N, C-alpha and C. Protein backbone atom coordinates (compact mmCIF):
# COMPACT_ATOMS: atom_id res chain seq x y z
N PHE A 1 -1.69 -0.75 5.54
CA PHE A 1 -1.95 -0.15 4.11
C PHE A 1 -2.70 1.12 4.14
N ALA A 2 -1.86 2.28 3.76
CA ALA A 2 -2.51 3.63 3.86
C ALA A 2 -2.82 4.12 2.48
N PHE A 3 -4.06 4.91 2.53
CA PHE A 3 -4.62 5.70 1.56
C PHE A 3 -4.60 7.06 1.91
N GLU A 4 -4.20 7.93 0.90
CA GLU A 4 -3.97 9.39 1.20
C GLU A 4 -5.44 9.96 0.57
N PRO A 5 -6.23 10.76 1.59
CA PRO A 5 -7.46 11.25 1.17
C PRO A 5 -7.12 12.46 0.55
N SER A 6 -8.16 12.74 -0.45
CA SER A 6 -8.26 14.00 -0.91
C SER A 6 -8.14 15.37 0.04
N GLY A 7 -8.82 15.05 1.27
CA GLY A 7 -9.19 15.83 2.30
C GLY A 7 -9.80 15.10 3.45
N LEU A 8 -9.15 14.90 4.63
CA LEU A 8 -9.58 13.79 5.43
C LEU A 8 -11.14 14.13 5.91
N GLU A 9 -11.47 15.44 6.42
CA GLU A 9 -12.78 15.60 6.72
C GLU A 9 -13.80 15.35 5.60
N GLU A 10 -13.57 15.68 4.47
CA GLU A 10 -14.47 15.47 3.15
C GLU A 10 -14.55 13.94 3.15
N SER A 11 -13.43 13.26 3.11
CA SER A 11 -13.28 11.68 3.11
C SER A 11 -14.19 11.12 3.89
N LEU A 12 -14.00 11.39 5.11
CA LEU A 12 -14.56 10.85 6.28
C LEU A 12 -16.01 10.87 6.25
N SER A 13 -16.48 12.21 6.00
CA SER A 13 -17.95 12.40 5.52
C SER A 13 -18.39 11.60 4.42
N GLU A 14 -17.85 11.43 3.36
CA GLU A 14 -18.15 10.66 2.24
C GLU A 14 -18.16 9.17 2.53
N LEU A 15 -17.10 8.59 3.23
CA LEU A 15 -17.05 7.30 3.78
C LEU A 15 -18.31 6.98 4.55
N ASN A 16 -18.59 7.78 5.46
CA ASN A 16 -19.75 7.63 6.46
C ASN A 16 -21.15 7.73 5.50
N ARG A 17 -21.22 8.40 4.50
CA ARG A 17 -22.38 8.36 3.92
C ARG A 17 -22.55 6.97 3.10
N ARG A 18 -21.33 6.46 2.76
CA ARG A 18 -21.27 4.91 2.12
C ARG A 18 -21.47 3.79 2.97
N GLY A 19 -21.46 4.30 4.33
CA GLY A 19 -21.61 3.21 5.38
C GLY A 19 -20.27 2.42 5.66
N ILE A 20 -19.26 3.12 5.49
CA ILE A 20 -17.74 2.64 5.71
C ILE A 20 -17.34 3.37 7.22
N THR A 21 -17.33 2.66 8.34
CA THR A 21 -17.06 3.22 9.40
C THR A 21 -15.60 3.45 9.65
N SER A 22 -15.30 4.40 10.77
CA SER A 22 -13.81 4.68 10.80
C SER A 22 -13.62 4.83 12.42
N GLY A 23 -12.24 4.67 12.78
CA GLY A 23 -11.87 4.81 14.05
C GLY A 23 -11.75 6.16 14.31
N GLU A 24 -11.12 6.46 15.49
CA GLU A 24 -10.87 7.96 15.99
C GLU A 24 -9.60 8.42 15.30
N ARG A 25 -9.46 9.54 15.30
CA ARG A 25 -8.54 10.16 14.58
C ARG A 25 -7.16 10.13 15.44
N ARG A 26 -6.02 9.72 14.98
CA ARG A 26 -4.82 9.59 15.74
C ARG A 26 -3.80 10.48 15.21
N PRO A 27 -3.60 11.67 15.69
CA PRO A 27 -2.62 12.58 15.35
C PRO A 27 -1.41 12.30 15.91
N LEU A 28 -0.31 12.55 15.17
CA LEU A 28 1.03 12.47 15.49
C LEU A 28 1.58 13.90 15.74
N ILE A 29 1.73 14.19 17.03
CA ILE A 29 2.13 15.65 17.28
C ILE A 29 3.60 15.51 17.81
N ALA A 30 4.35 16.21 17.21
CA ALA A 30 5.66 16.41 17.45
C ALA A 30 6.26 17.85 17.11
N VAL A 31 7.58 17.77 17.49
CA VAL A 31 8.30 19.16 16.99
C VAL A 31 8.31 19.32 15.48
N GLY A 32 7.58 20.31 14.78
CA GLY A 32 7.68 20.44 13.49
C GLY A 32 9.03 21.31 13.06
N PRO A 33 9.11 21.61 11.57
CA PRO A 33 10.27 22.14 11.03
C PRO A 33 10.42 23.62 11.61
N ASP A 34 9.37 24.25 12.14
CA ASP A 34 9.34 25.60 12.75
C ASP A 34 9.75 25.55 14.33
N GLY A 35 9.91 24.19 14.76
CA GLY A 35 10.17 24.36 16.26
C GLY A 35 9.05 24.26 17.02
N ALA A 36 7.98 24.28 16.66
CA ALA A 36 6.85 24.40 17.45
C ALA A 36 6.00 22.93 17.40
N MET A 37 5.29 22.78 18.59
CA MET A 37 4.54 21.45 18.53
C MET A 37 3.47 21.54 17.48
N ASN A 38 3.37 20.64 16.70
CA ASN A 38 2.39 20.67 15.52
C ASN A 38 1.99 19.25 15.35
N THR A 39 0.67 19.04 14.67
CA THR A 39 0.31 17.61 14.35
C THR A 39 0.98 17.32 12.88
N LEU A 40 1.75 16.49 12.80
CA LEU A 40 2.46 16.14 11.74
C LEU A 40 1.71 15.32 10.51
N TRP A 41 0.83 14.44 11.01
CA TRP A 41 -0.02 13.91 10.37
C TRP A 41 -1.09 13.25 11.18
N THR A 42 -2.26 12.93 10.59
CA THR A 42 -3.38 12.14 11.02
C THR A 42 -3.73 11.01 10.46
N ASN A 43 -3.75 9.70 11.16
CA ASN A 43 -4.24 8.61 10.62
C ASN A 43 -5.76 8.33 11.11
N VAL A 44 -6.46 7.68 10.41
CA VAL A 44 -7.84 6.88 10.75
C VAL A 44 -7.98 5.77 10.32
N THR A 45 -8.41 4.85 10.95
CA THR A 45 -8.47 3.27 10.79
C THR A 45 -9.79 3.14 10.09
N LEU A 46 -9.83 2.48 9.02
CA LEU A 46 -10.99 1.95 8.32
C LEU A 46 -11.57 0.60 9.09
N ARG A 47 -12.58 0.71 9.65
CA ARG A 47 -12.83 -0.31 10.80
C ARG A 47 -13.21 -1.79 10.09
N GLN A 48 -14.06 -1.45 8.82
CA GLN A 48 -14.35 -2.61 8.26
C GLN A 48 -13.23 -3.41 7.38
N PHE A 49 -12.09 -2.76 7.16
CA PHE A 49 -11.14 -3.27 6.54
C PHE A 49 -9.84 -3.85 7.27
N SER A 50 -10.05 -3.44 8.66
CA SER A 50 -8.90 -3.73 9.64
C SER A 50 -9.27 -4.58 10.76
N ASP A 51 -8.53 -5.33 11.32
CA ASP A 51 -9.07 -6.32 12.53
C ASP A 51 -8.55 -5.65 13.74
N ALA A 52 -8.24 -4.23 13.93
CA ALA A 52 -7.96 -3.78 15.18
C ALA A 52 -7.83 -2.24 14.89
N ASP A 53 -8.23 -1.17 15.71
CA ASP A 53 -8.09 0.06 15.55
C ASP A 53 -6.66 0.62 15.71
N ASN A 54 -5.92 -0.08 16.77
CA ASN A 54 -4.47 0.13 16.84
C ASN A 54 -3.66 -0.76 16.12
N PRO A 55 -2.89 -0.08 15.35
CA PRO A 55 -2.08 -0.79 14.25
C PRO A 55 -1.05 -1.81 15.07
N ALA A 56 -0.70 -1.49 16.17
CA ALA A 56 0.31 -2.29 16.93
C ALA A 56 -0.56 -3.77 17.28
N ASN A 57 -1.78 -3.88 17.27
CA ASN A 57 -2.53 -4.97 17.68
C ASN A 57 -3.19 -5.59 16.34
N ALA A 58 -2.99 -5.22 15.19
CA ALA A 58 -3.57 -5.55 13.76
C ALA A 58 -2.53 -6.37 13.04
N THR A 59 -3.32 -7.28 12.58
CA THR A 59 -2.43 -8.18 11.51
C THR A 59 -3.02 -7.56 9.93
N LEU A 60 -4.20 -6.93 9.94
CA LEU A 60 -4.64 -6.12 8.73
C LEU A 60 -5.09 -4.80 9.20
N HIS A 61 -4.14 -3.86 8.92
CA HIS A 61 -4.43 -2.40 9.05
C HIS A 61 -4.70 -1.52 7.74
N ILE A 62 -5.85 -1.03 7.62
CA ILE A 62 -6.15 -0.30 6.40
C ILE A 62 -6.49 1.13 6.92
N PHE A 63 -5.94 2.27 6.60
CA PHE A 63 -6.18 3.43 7.36
C PHE A 63 -5.97 4.72 6.16
N LEU A 64 -6.77 5.76 6.49
CA LEU A 64 -6.42 7.13 5.88
C LEU A 64 -5.34 7.55 6.62
N SER A 65 -4.33 8.34 5.64
CA SER A 65 -3.24 9.16 6.46
C SER A 65 -3.12 10.59 5.78
N GLU A 66 -3.45 11.60 6.66
CA GLU A 66 -3.34 12.94 5.90
C GLU A 66 -2.10 13.57 6.68
N TYR A 67 -1.26 14.08 5.82
CA TYR A 67 -0.23 15.01 6.28
C TYR A 67 -0.30 16.43 6.36
N ASN A 68 0.18 17.05 7.42
CA ASN A 68 -0.01 18.36 7.47
C ASN A 68 0.90 19.18 6.68
N PRO A 69 0.27 19.95 5.82
CA PRO A 69 0.99 20.65 4.69
C PRO A 69 2.12 21.38 5.34
N SER A 70 2.01 21.93 6.46
CA SER A 70 3.35 22.73 7.12
C SER A 70 4.45 21.68 7.34
N TYR A 71 3.97 20.60 7.58
CA TYR A 71 5.07 19.43 7.75
C TYR A 71 5.66 18.78 6.60
N VAL A 72 4.84 18.65 5.54
CA VAL A 72 5.49 17.98 4.47
C VAL A 72 4.35 18.43 3.29
N ASN A 73 5.04 18.92 1.92
CA ASN A 73 4.24 18.92 0.73
C ASN A 73 4.38 17.64 -0.16
N VAL A 74 3.06 16.86 0.16
CA VAL A 74 3.06 15.49 -0.22
C VAL A 74 3.56 15.37 -1.79
N GLU A 75 3.01 16.42 -2.74
CA GLU A 75 3.15 16.39 -4.25
C GLU A 75 4.65 16.54 -4.44
N GLU A 76 5.37 17.43 -3.76
CA GLU A 76 6.64 17.84 -3.78
C GLU A 76 7.51 16.54 -3.48
N ARG A 77 7.02 15.99 -2.33
CA ARG A 77 7.97 14.93 -1.84
C ARG A 77 7.87 13.74 -2.74
N ARG A 78 6.65 13.26 -3.26
CA ARG A 78 6.33 12.29 -4.25
C ARG A 78 7.40 12.48 -5.55
N SER A 79 7.38 13.77 -6.02
CA SER A 79 7.91 14.07 -7.19
C SER A 79 9.58 13.97 -6.74
N ARG A 80 10.09 14.35 -5.88
CA ARG A 80 11.35 14.30 -5.46
C ARG A 80 11.93 12.88 -5.38
N LEU A 81 11.05 12.04 -4.79
CA LEU A 81 11.38 10.60 -4.55
C LEU A 81 11.26 9.85 -5.76
N ARG A 82 10.42 10.25 -6.72
CA ARG A 82 10.39 9.50 -7.89
C ARG A 82 11.56 10.08 -8.80
N LYS A 83 12.07 11.11 -8.67
CA LYS A 83 13.13 11.56 -9.47
C LYS A 83 14.52 10.82 -8.96
N GLN A 84 14.60 10.75 -7.60
CA GLN A 84 15.56 10.06 -7.07
C GLN A 84 15.67 8.49 -7.33
N LEU A 85 14.38 7.98 -7.45
CA LEU A 85 14.49 6.46 -7.91
C LEU A 85 14.97 6.43 -9.56
N VAL A 86 14.68 7.49 -10.21
CA VAL A 86 14.95 7.33 -11.63
C VAL A 86 16.39 7.68 -11.86
N GLU A 87 16.89 8.53 -11.10
CA GLU A 87 18.39 8.90 -10.94
C GLU A 87 19.37 7.58 -10.68
N ARG A 88 18.77 6.88 -9.67
CA ARG A 88 19.29 5.62 -9.24
C ARG A 88 19.02 4.46 -10.04
N SER A 89 18.46 4.63 -11.13
CA SER A 89 17.95 3.38 -11.93
C SER A 89 17.36 2.45 -11.11
N GLY A 90 16.43 2.72 -10.15
CA GLY A 90 15.66 1.94 -9.32
C GLY A 90 16.65 1.06 -8.29
N GLY A 91 17.55 1.50 -8.09
CA GLY A 91 18.42 0.79 -7.18
C GLY A 91 18.89 -0.53 -7.62
N PRO A 92 19.58 -1.33 -6.86
CA PRO A 92 20.13 -2.63 -7.39
C PRO A 92 19.09 -3.67 -8.02
N LEU A 93 17.76 -3.48 -7.63
CA LEU A 93 16.86 -4.42 -8.36
C LEU A 93 16.16 -3.79 -9.47
N GLY A 94 16.39 -2.39 -9.68
CA GLY A 94 15.68 -1.78 -10.95
C GLY A 94 14.31 -1.54 -10.83
N VAL A 95 13.96 -1.17 -9.70
CA VAL A 95 12.51 -0.87 -9.26
C VAL A 95 11.89 0.39 -9.97
N LEU A 96 10.66 -0.14 -10.66
CA LEU A 96 10.03 1.04 -11.38
C LEU A 96 8.97 1.42 -10.58
N GLU A 97 8.14 0.41 -10.01
CA GLU A 97 6.85 0.78 -9.27
C GLU A 97 6.36 -0.27 -8.41
N VAL A 98 5.53 -0.14 -7.36
CA VAL A 98 4.68 -1.14 -6.87
C VAL A 98 3.66 -1.27 -7.79
N LYS A 99 3.53 -2.50 -8.48
CA LYS A 99 2.58 -2.80 -9.37
C LYS A 99 0.98 -3.17 -8.84
N GLU A 100 1.22 -3.96 -7.72
CA GLU A 100 -0.15 -4.35 -7.35
C GLU A 100 -0.11 -5.09 -5.85
N VAL A 101 -1.06 -4.85 -4.95
CA VAL A 101 -1.08 -5.32 -3.54
C VAL A 101 -2.22 -6.29 -3.68
N ILE A 102 -1.88 -7.51 -3.29
CA ILE A 102 -2.82 -8.47 -3.36
C ILE A 102 -3.10 -8.74 -1.90
N ILE A 103 -4.54 -8.76 -1.62
CA ILE A 103 -5.29 -9.02 -0.43
C ILE A 103 -6.06 -10.05 -0.32
N GLY A 104 -5.76 -10.79 0.75
CA GLY A 104 -6.82 -12.06 1.11
C GLY A 104 -7.86 -11.71 1.59
N ALA A 105 -9.12 -12.43 1.36
CA ALA A 105 -10.34 -12.20 1.95
C ALA A 105 -10.89 -13.66 2.45
N THR A 106 -11.23 -13.96 3.53
CA THR A 106 -11.97 -14.96 3.96
C THR A 106 -13.60 -15.12 3.24
N GLU A 107 -14.03 -14.07 3.14
CA GLU A 107 -15.29 -13.97 2.23
C GLU A 107 -15.20 -12.97 1.21
N LEU A 108 -14.88 -13.71 -0.01
CA LEU A 108 -14.25 -12.89 -1.15
C LEU A 108 -15.44 -11.91 -1.61
N GLN A 109 -16.75 -12.49 -1.84
CA GLN A 109 -17.84 -11.76 -2.50
C GLN A 109 -18.13 -10.38 -1.63
N LEU A 110 -18.09 -10.65 -0.17
CA LEU A 110 -18.47 -9.69 0.66
C LEU A 110 -17.26 -8.62 0.52
N ALA A 111 -16.16 -8.92 0.71
CA ALA A 111 -15.01 -8.04 0.73
C ALA A 111 -14.93 -7.47 -0.74
N ARG A 112 -15.47 -7.99 -1.87
CA ARG A 112 -15.37 -7.40 -3.00
C ARG A 112 -16.39 -6.09 -3.12
N ARG A 113 -17.66 -6.48 -2.50
CA ARG A 113 -18.56 -5.37 -2.40
C ARG A 113 -18.18 -4.11 -1.49
N LEU A 114 -17.46 -4.66 -0.52
CA LEU A 114 -17.09 -3.53 0.63
C LEU A 114 -15.77 -2.67 -0.12
N TRP A 115 -14.87 -3.49 -0.74
CA TRP A 115 -13.81 -2.52 -1.54
C TRP A 115 -14.57 -1.57 -2.64
N GLN A 116 -15.47 -2.26 -3.16
CA GLN A 116 -16.12 -1.39 -4.26
C GLN A 116 -16.58 -0.07 -3.91
N ARG A 117 -17.33 -0.33 -2.58
CA ARG A 117 -17.91 0.92 -1.81
C ARG A 117 -16.85 1.80 -1.50
N LEU A 118 -15.75 1.32 -1.14
CA LEU A 118 -14.68 2.23 -0.62
C LEU A 118 -14.19 2.85 -1.69
N LEU A 119 -13.90 2.24 -2.91
CA LEU A 119 -13.18 2.87 -4.14
C LEU A 119 -13.98 3.38 -5.29
N ASP A 120 -15.24 3.53 -5.02
CA ASP A 120 -16.10 4.13 -6.12
C ASP A 120 -15.88 5.46 -6.22
N PRO A 121 -15.64 5.93 -7.44
CA PRO A 121 -16.10 5.45 -8.49
C PRO A 121 -15.18 4.73 -9.45
N ALA A 122 -14.11 4.16 -9.03
CA ALA A 122 -13.10 3.39 -9.70
C ALA A 122 -13.88 2.22 -9.91
N ARG A 123 -13.92 1.56 -11.12
CA ARG A 123 -14.60 0.09 -11.22
C ARG A 123 -13.57 -0.84 -11.39
N SER A 124 -13.81 -1.85 -10.94
CA SER A 124 -12.99 -3.09 -11.02
C SER A 124 -12.63 -3.54 -12.37
N ALA A 125 -11.30 -3.59 -12.70
CA ALA A 125 -10.86 -3.94 -14.27
C ALA A 125 -11.35 -5.30 -14.29
N THR A 126 -11.10 -6.39 -13.35
CA THR A 126 -11.57 -7.60 -13.43
C THR A 126 -12.58 -7.66 -12.32
N SER A 127 -13.16 -9.06 -12.05
CA SER A 127 -14.15 -8.88 -10.98
C SER A 127 -13.49 -8.67 -9.60
N ASN A 128 -12.04 -8.69 -9.33
CA ASN A 128 -11.56 -8.34 -8.16
C ASN A 128 -10.37 -7.61 -8.08
N THR A 129 -10.13 -6.85 -9.09
CA THR A 129 -8.94 -5.96 -9.20
C THR A 129 -9.26 -4.42 -9.43
N TRP A 130 -8.63 -3.49 -8.76
CA TRP A 130 -9.02 -2.02 -9.09
C TRP A 130 -7.71 -1.36 -9.21
N GLN A 131 -7.72 -0.39 -10.15
CA GLN A 131 -6.55 0.60 -10.35
C GLN A 131 -7.01 1.78 -9.89
N VAL A 132 -6.50 2.28 -8.92
CA VAL A 132 -6.91 3.48 -8.28
C VAL A 132 -5.82 4.65 -8.68
N GLY A 133 -6.20 5.64 -9.50
CA GLY A 133 -5.16 6.63 -9.73
C GLY A 133 -3.90 6.27 -10.13
N ASN A 134 -2.85 6.76 -9.81
CA ASN A 134 -1.53 6.29 -10.39
C ASN A 134 -0.74 5.36 -9.18
N GLY A 135 -1.60 4.90 -8.48
CA GLY A 135 -0.90 4.03 -7.39
C GLY A 135 -0.98 2.48 -7.80
N PRO A 136 -0.67 1.65 -6.96
CA PRO A 136 -0.68 0.18 -7.55
C PRO A 136 -2.07 -0.25 -7.41
N ALA A 137 -2.29 -1.44 -8.23
CA ALA A 137 -3.69 -2.04 -8.32
C ALA A 137 -3.87 -2.78 -6.88
N ILE A 138 -5.24 -2.89 -6.78
CA ILE A 138 -5.62 -3.68 -5.59
C ILE A 138 -6.24 -4.93 -6.01
N HIS A 139 -6.03 -6.10 -5.54
CA HIS A 139 -6.32 -7.35 -6.07
C HIS A 139 -6.74 -8.24 -4.90
N LEU A 140 -7.94 -8.46 -4.83
CA LEU A 140 -8.49 -9.42 -4.00
C LEU A 140 -8.53 -10.89 -4.48
N VAL A 141 -8.16 -11.69 -3.32
CA VAL A 141 -8.02 -13.25 -3.53
C VAL A 141 -8.71 -13.95 -2.44
N SER A 142 -9.41 -14.98 -2.69
CA SER A 142 -9.82 -15.89 -1.49
C SER A 142 -8.76 -16.37 -0.62
N ALA A 143 -8.89 -16.31 0.74
CA ALA A 143 -7.65 -16.74 1.48
C ALA A 143 -8.24 -17.34 2.81
N ALA A 144 -7.35 -17.88 3.50
CA ALA A 144 -7.91 -18.65 4.95
C ALA A 144 -7.98 -17.36 5.95
N GLU A 145 -7.28 -16.33 5.67
CA GLU A 145 -7.33 -15.33 6.81
C GLU A 145 -7.34 -14.00 5.90
N ASN A 146 -7.91 -12.99 6.46
CA ASN A 146 -7.80 -11.61 5.94
C ASN A 146 -6.33 -10.99 5.96
N GLY A 147 -5.95 -10.33 5.04
CA GLY A 147 -4.68 -9.68 5.16
C GLY A 147 -3.96 -9.48 3.89
N ILE A 148 -2.83 -8.81 3.78
CA ILE A 148 -2.09 -8.63 2.67
C ILE A 148 -1.43 -9.76 2.31
N GLN A 149 -1.39 -10.34 1.24
CA GLN A 149 -0.85 -11.61 0.78
C GLN A 149 0.38 -11.36 0.09
N THR A 150 0.48 -10.55 -0.77
CA THR A 150 1.53 -10.28 -1.69
C THR A 150 1.85 -8.77 -2.19
N ILE A 151 3.00 -8.61 -2.32
CA ILE A 151 3.31 -7.28 -2.95
C ILE A 151 4.19 -7.50 -4.19
N VAL A 152 3.52 -6.98 -5.49
CA VAL A 152 4.18 -7.21 -6.69
C VAL A 152 4.83 -5.85 -7.14
N ILE A 153 6.14 -5.95 -7.30
CA ILE A 153 7.00 -4.71 -7.61
C ILE A 153 7.44 -5.14 -9.15
N ARG A 154 7.08 -3.96 -10.11
CA ARG A 154 7.57 -4.25 -11.52
C ARG A 154 9.12 -3.50 -11.43
N VAL A 155 10.06 -4.28 -12.13
CA VAL A 155 11.51 -3.93 -12.28
C VAL A 155 11.80 -3.82 -13.82
N ALA A 156 12.95 -3.14 -14.04
CA ALA A 156 13.27 -2.78 -15.34
C ALA A 156 13.83 -4.13 -15.96
N SER A 157 14.46 -4.87 -15.30
CA SER A 157 15.05 -6.27 -15.69
C SER A 157 14.93 -7.32 -14.94
N LEU A 158 14.05 -8.26 -15.03
CA LEU A 158 13.79 -9.30 -14.16
C LEU A 158 15.07 -10.15 -13.97
N ASP A 159 15.88 -10.28 -15.07
CA ASP A 159 17.43 -11.03 -14.89
C ASP A 159 18.32 -10.14 -14.00
N ARG A 160 18.30 -9.03 -14.32
CA ARG A 160 19.26 -8.16 -13.29
C ARG A 160 18.83 -8.28 -11.87
N ALA A 161 17.41 -8.16 -11.83
CA ALA A 161 16.85 -8.32 -10.38
C ALA A 161 17.25 -9.91 -9.73
N LYS A 162 17.13 -10.78 -10.59
CA LYS A 162 17.52 -12.19 -10.06
C LYS A 162 18.80 -12.12 -9.77
N THR A 163 19.72 -11.63 -10.60
CA THR A 163 21.08 -11.85 -10.38
C THR A 163 21.64 -11.17 -8.92
N PHE A 164 20.92 -9.97 -8.65
CA PHE A 164 21.21 -9.33 -7.59
C PHE A 164 20.87 -10.19 -6.40
N LEU A 165 19.52 -10.70 -6.46
CA LEU A 165 18.99 -11.25 -5.27
C LEU A 165 19.88 -12.76 -4.97
N ARG A 166 20.37 -13.30 -6.19
CA ARG A 166 21.04 -14.54 -6.02
C ARG A 166 22.27 -14.51 -5.26
N ASP A 167 22.96 -13.26 -5.96
CA ASP A 167 24.32 -12.85 -5.33
C ASP A 167 24.39 -12.42 -3.91
N LYS A 168 23.03 -12.05 -3.32
CA LYS A 168 22.92 -11.53 -2.09
C LYS A 168 22.16 -12.77 -1.20
N GLN A 169 21.98 -13.94 -1.78
CA GLN A 169 21.33 -15.01 -1.07
C GLN A 169 19.93 -14.59 -0.64
N LEU A 170 19.36 -13.77 -1.49
CA LEU A 170 17.83 -13.43 -1.12
C LEU A 170 16.86 -13.93 -2.09
N LEU A 171 17.44 -14.78 -3.23
CA LEU A 171 16.45 -15.13 -4.20
C LEU A 171 15.54 -16.35 -3.60
N GLY A 172 14.28 -16.05 -3.79
CA GLY A 172 13.12 -17.09 -3.39
C GLY A 172 12.81 -17.87 -4.82
N ALA A 173 11.69 -18.25 -4.82
CA ALA A 173 11.16 -19.18 -5.74
C ALA A 173 11.01 -18.26 -6.96
N GLU A 174 11.29 -19.04 -8.07
CA GLU A 174 11.14 -18.61 -9.46
C GLU A 174 10.09 -19.12 -10.40
N SER A 175 9.34 -18.35 -10.92
CA SER A 175 8.34 -18.90 -12.00
C SER A 175 8.57 -18.16 -13.46
N ASP A 176 7.73 -18.61 -14.10
CA ASP A 176 7.81 -17.80 -15.63
C ASP A 176 7.45 -16.45 -15.44
N GLY A 177 8.32 -15.65 -15.74
CA GLY A 177 7.88 -14.12 -15.72
C GLY A 177 7.87 -13.50 -14.29
N GLN A 178 8.41 -14.30 -13.11
CA GLN A 178 8.56 -13.42 -11.92
C GLN A 178 9.51 -14.36 -11.07
N ALA A 179 10.01 -13.51 -9.88
CA ALA A 179 10.73 -14.13 -9.15
C ALA A 179 10.59 -13.66 -7.82
N ALA A 180 10.48 -14.31 -6.71
CA ALA A 180 10.23 -13.76 -5.20
C ALA A 180 11.53 -13.58 -4.52
N ILE A 181 11.27 -12.77 -3.55
CA ILE A 181 12.57 -12.51 -2.55
C ILE A 181 12.02 -13.41 -1.52
N ASP A 182 13.19 -14.37 -0.93
CA ASP A 182 12.95 -15.28 -0.18
C ASP A 182 12.29 -14.56 1.21
N PRO A 183 11.15 -15.26 1.33
CA PRO A 183 10.22 -14.60 2.60
C PRO A 183 10.87 -14.87 3.82
N SER A 184 11.85 -15.83 4.08
CA SER A 184 12.44 -16.02 5.20
C SER A 184 13.30 -14.90 5.74
N LYS A 185 13.55 -14.11 4.56
CA LYS A 185 14.73 -13.11 4.82
C LYS A 185 14.09 -11.60 4.88
N VAL A 186 12.81 -11.57 4.69
CA VAL A 186 11.93 -10.42 4.74
C VAL A 186 10.57 -10.54 5.71
N GLY A 187 10.93 -11.09 6.79
CA GLY A 187 9.88 -11.15 7.75
C GLY A 187 8.77 -11.98 7.41
N GLY A 188 8.81 -12.91 6.44
CA GLY A 188 7.69 -13.66 6.05
C GLY A 188 6.79 -13.22 4.82
N LEU A 189 7.28 -11.82 4.40
CA LEU A 189 6.47 -11.18 3.61
C LEU A 189 6.71 -11.80 2.02
N ASP A 190 5.60 -12.04 1.13
CA ASP A 190 5.62 -12.52 -0.17
C ASP A 190 5.76 -11.18 -1.22
N ILE A 191 7.06 -10.96 -1.44
CA ILE A 191 7.13 -9.95 -2.32
C ILE A 191 7.87 -10.41 -3.75
N ARG A 192 7.04 -10.29 -4.74
CA ARG A 192 7.39 -10.89 -5.97
C ARG A 192 7.66 -9.71 -7.13
N LEU A 193 8.75 -10.05 -8.00
CA LEU A 193 9.17 -9.19 -8.81
C LEU A 193 8.81 -9.54 -10.13
N VAL A 194 8.33 -8.71 -10.91
CA VAL A 194 7.87 -8.84 -12.41
C VAL A 194 8.68 -7.97 -13.36
N GLY A 195 8.89 -8.42 -14.43
CA GLY A 195 9.55 -7.41 -15.48
C GLY A 195 8.60 -6.34 -16.11
N LYS A 196 9.04 -5.68 -17.04
CA LYS A 196 8.20 -4.63 -17.76
C LYS A 196 6.97 -5.44 -18.46
């Protein structure tokens, strides 16, 4: 689960001030668009939110990710991808946006205080849900283990999405106002679709 910092150095300094520890910088160095070896992006693990610094060893990995502007202009790319999503009417599911990421916590109150420290000045809309910028809401729930529990995706028409999933044998459980993609078909992920 990646957060885009407003500036990596400034963000790390501020997080350190808040008592949030981070791992080592992990730059991805490769041949850039100009043909030279460049840092394309840099990731930094948020240690109190992750169970390992190395994402390959983690079941929950939350990190900051900053792209090198010579590699990609994030705002232009976001605008281009949003335009493509609209032009394609959200694809066969009619996807409008990722609405919410539900994260399980073994110690809910401790996790809530830690997430509030991370997300300040954003305030929790409910006792355990934050809306940060124009991204998905982050919702904490009590769970047997720490980790992402569910991804909630808002679609233009839940009936249309269910028809597509049913036709492709991907439809999981249905309940009032939502439908799940069959977790056995998507690596055990709990992905739920909700209408407008």
